[in-house]
Amino acid sequence: MDETISIKGKFRWLAQVVLGGLLVILLSIHLIVNHWVAPQGLLTYDDVVRYYDYPGIALMEAMFLVIVTSHCLLGLHSILLDLNLRPFALRTLTQFLIILGSITIIYGVYLIIKIM
């Protein structure tokens, strides 16, 4: 096995683990604030706007978006690697996942900025 592939695989695995740990923390905060503390079990738009007035909340929600998107797409990429696709197909699908993740994050950050 090529040593470069092994290092890339180790990095992807470590990134997946670290992102998963951060995801548990941020998901817990998200669930508590948006579903358990909210009066009706879900924040209204006005509640969300007030919530974003607290310092650091928009940054935390943006981090949550980046982490959940990255964790998800790394997992999908791992599944593609397990399928032993041809190099061209794997490269094409990898580029598609990168584009999809970038669009998702850009759109999500745009929405966070619009709410603020």
Protein backbone atom coordinates (compact mmCIF):
# COMPACT_ATOMS: atom_id res chain seq x y z
CA MET A 1 0.00 0.00 0.00
CA ASP A 2 1.23 3.46 -0.87
CA GLU A 3 2.36 5.37 2.24
CA THR A 4 0.65 8.58 1.03
CA ILE A 5 -2.71 6.84 0.85
CA SER A 6 -2.18 5.47 4.34
CA ILE A 7 -1.44 8.93 5.74
CA LYS A 8 -4.49 10.39 3.97
CA GLY A 9 -6.64 7.58 5.33
CA LYS A 10 -5.37 8.16 8.87
CA PHE A 11 -6.02 11.88 8.58
CA ARG A 12 -9.58 11.32 7.30
CA TRP A 13 -10.26 8.86 10.11
CA LEU A 14 -8.87 11.25 12.76
CA ALA A 15 -10.86 14.15 11.29
CA GLN A 16 -14.02 12.03 11.36
CA VAL A 17 -13.45 11.16 15.03
CA VAL A 18 -12.68 14.73 16.11
CA LEU A 19 -15.63 16.13 14.15
CA GLY A 20 -17.88 13.44 15.66
CA GLY A 21 -16.87 14.48 19.18
CA LEU A 22 -17.46 18.16 18.44
CA LEU A 23 -20.75 17.24 16.80
CA VAL A 24 -21.99 15.55 19.97
CA ILE A 25 -21.21 18.67 22.02
CA LEU A 26 -22.76 21.17 19.60
CA LEU A 27 -25.76 18.94 18.88
CA SER A 28 -26.44 18.68 22.61
CA ILE A 29 -26.40 22.47 22.97
CA HIS A 30 -28.59 22.83 19.88
CA LEU A 31 -31.17 20.32 21.14
CA ILE A 32 -31.32 21.82 24.62
CA VAL A 33 -31.75 25.42 23.42
CA ASN A 34 -33.94 24.83 20.36
CA HIS A 35 -36.16 22.00 21.57
CA TRP A 36 -36.14 21.49 25.35
CA VAL A 37 -35.93 25.08 26.60
CA ALA A 38 -38.21 26.53 23.91
CA PRO A 39 -41.78 27.08 25.17
CA GLN A 40 -43.51 25.18 22.36
CA GLY A 41 -40.66 22.72 21.79
CA LEU A 42 -39.40 24.75 18.86
CA LEU A 43 -38.16 28.32 18.58
CA THR A 44 -40.14 30.74 16.44
CA TYR A 45 -38.38 32.99 13.94
CA ASP A 46 -38.51 35.89 16.42
CA ASP A 47 -37.02 33.63 19.12
CA VAL A 48 -34.18 32.68 16.78
CA VAL A 49 -33.47 36.33 15.99
CA ARG A 50 -33.33 37.11 19.74
CA TYR A 51 -31.16 34.01 20.31
CA TYR A 52 -28.66 35.27 17.73
CA ASP A 53 -28.35 38.56 19.65
CA TYR A 54 -26.29 36.75 22.30
CA PRO A 55 -22.55 37.08 21.67
CA GLY A 56 -21.00 34.07 19.97
CA ILE A 57 -24.26 32.26 19.12
CA ALA A 58 -24.02 32.94 15.39
CA LEU A 59 -20.42 31.71 15.40
CA MET A 60 -21.41 28.58 17.34
CA GLU A 61 -24.26 27.84 14.91
CA ALA A 62 -21.93 28.40 11.94
CA MET A 63 -19.42 26.00 13.51
CA PHE A 64 -22.24 23.48 14.00
CA LEU A 65 -23.12 23.80 10.31
CA VAL A 66 -19.51 23.33 9.16
CA ILE A 67 -18.91 20.40 11.52
CA VAL A 68 -22.12 18.52 10.70
CA THR A 69 -21.61 19.02 6.95
CA SER A 70 -17.95 17.96 7.07
CA HIS A 71 -18.68 14.93 9.26
CA CYS A 72 -21.49 13.84 6.96
CA LEU A 73 -19.50 14.22 3.75
CA LEU A 74 -16.43 12.49 5.21
CA GLY A 75 -18.69 9.58 6.11
CA LEU A 76 -20.14 9.48 2.60
CA HIS A 77 -16.63 9.61 1.17
CA SER A 78 -15.61 6.66 3.36
CA ILE A 79 -18.53 4.69 1.96
CA LEU A 80 -17.42 5.55 -1.58
CA LEU A 81 -13.89 4.35 -0.75
CA ASP A 82 -15.33 1.05 0.54
CA LEU A 83 -17.10 0.52 -2.80
CA ASN A 84 -13.71 0.27 -4.60
CA LEU A 85 -14.87 2.49 -7.45
CA ARG A 86 -12.72 3.18 -10.47
CA PRO A 87 -10.34 6.11 -9.93
CA PHE A 88 -12.20 8.41 -12.32
CA ALA A 89 -15.57 7.71 -10.65
CA LEU A 90 -14.09 8.19 -7.18
CA ARG A 91 -12.41 11.44 -8.20
CA THR A 92 -15.62 12.74 -9.80
CA LEU A 93 -17.77 11.84 -6.78
CA THR A 94 -15.18 13.32 -4.40
CA GLN A 95 -15.26 16.60 -6.33
CA PHE A 96 -19.06 16.51 -6.26
CA LEU A 97 -19.04 16.06 -2.46
CA ILE A 98 -16.60 18.96 -2.07
CA ILE A 99 -18.81 21.20 -4.23
CA LEU A 100 -21.97 20.07 -2.41
CA GLY A 101 -20.38 20.72 0.99
CA SER A 102 -19.11 24.13 -0.08
CA ILE A 103 -22.51 25.18 -1.40
CA THR A 104 -24.21 23.91 1.77
CA ILE A 105 -21.84 25.80 4.06
CA ILE A 106 -21.93 29.02 1.99
CA TYR A 107 -25.74 28.99 1.89
CA GLY A 108 -26.00 28.21 5.61
CA VAL A 109 -23.60 31.00 6.57
CA TYR A 110 -25.52 33.35 4.26
CA LEU A 111 -28.75 32.49 6.14
CA ILE A 112 -27.06 33.01 9.52
CA ILE A 113 -25.86 36.44 8.41
CA LYS A 114 -29.33 37.34 7.10
CA ILE A 115 -30.94 36.36 10.44
CA MET A 116 -28.49 38.49 12.39
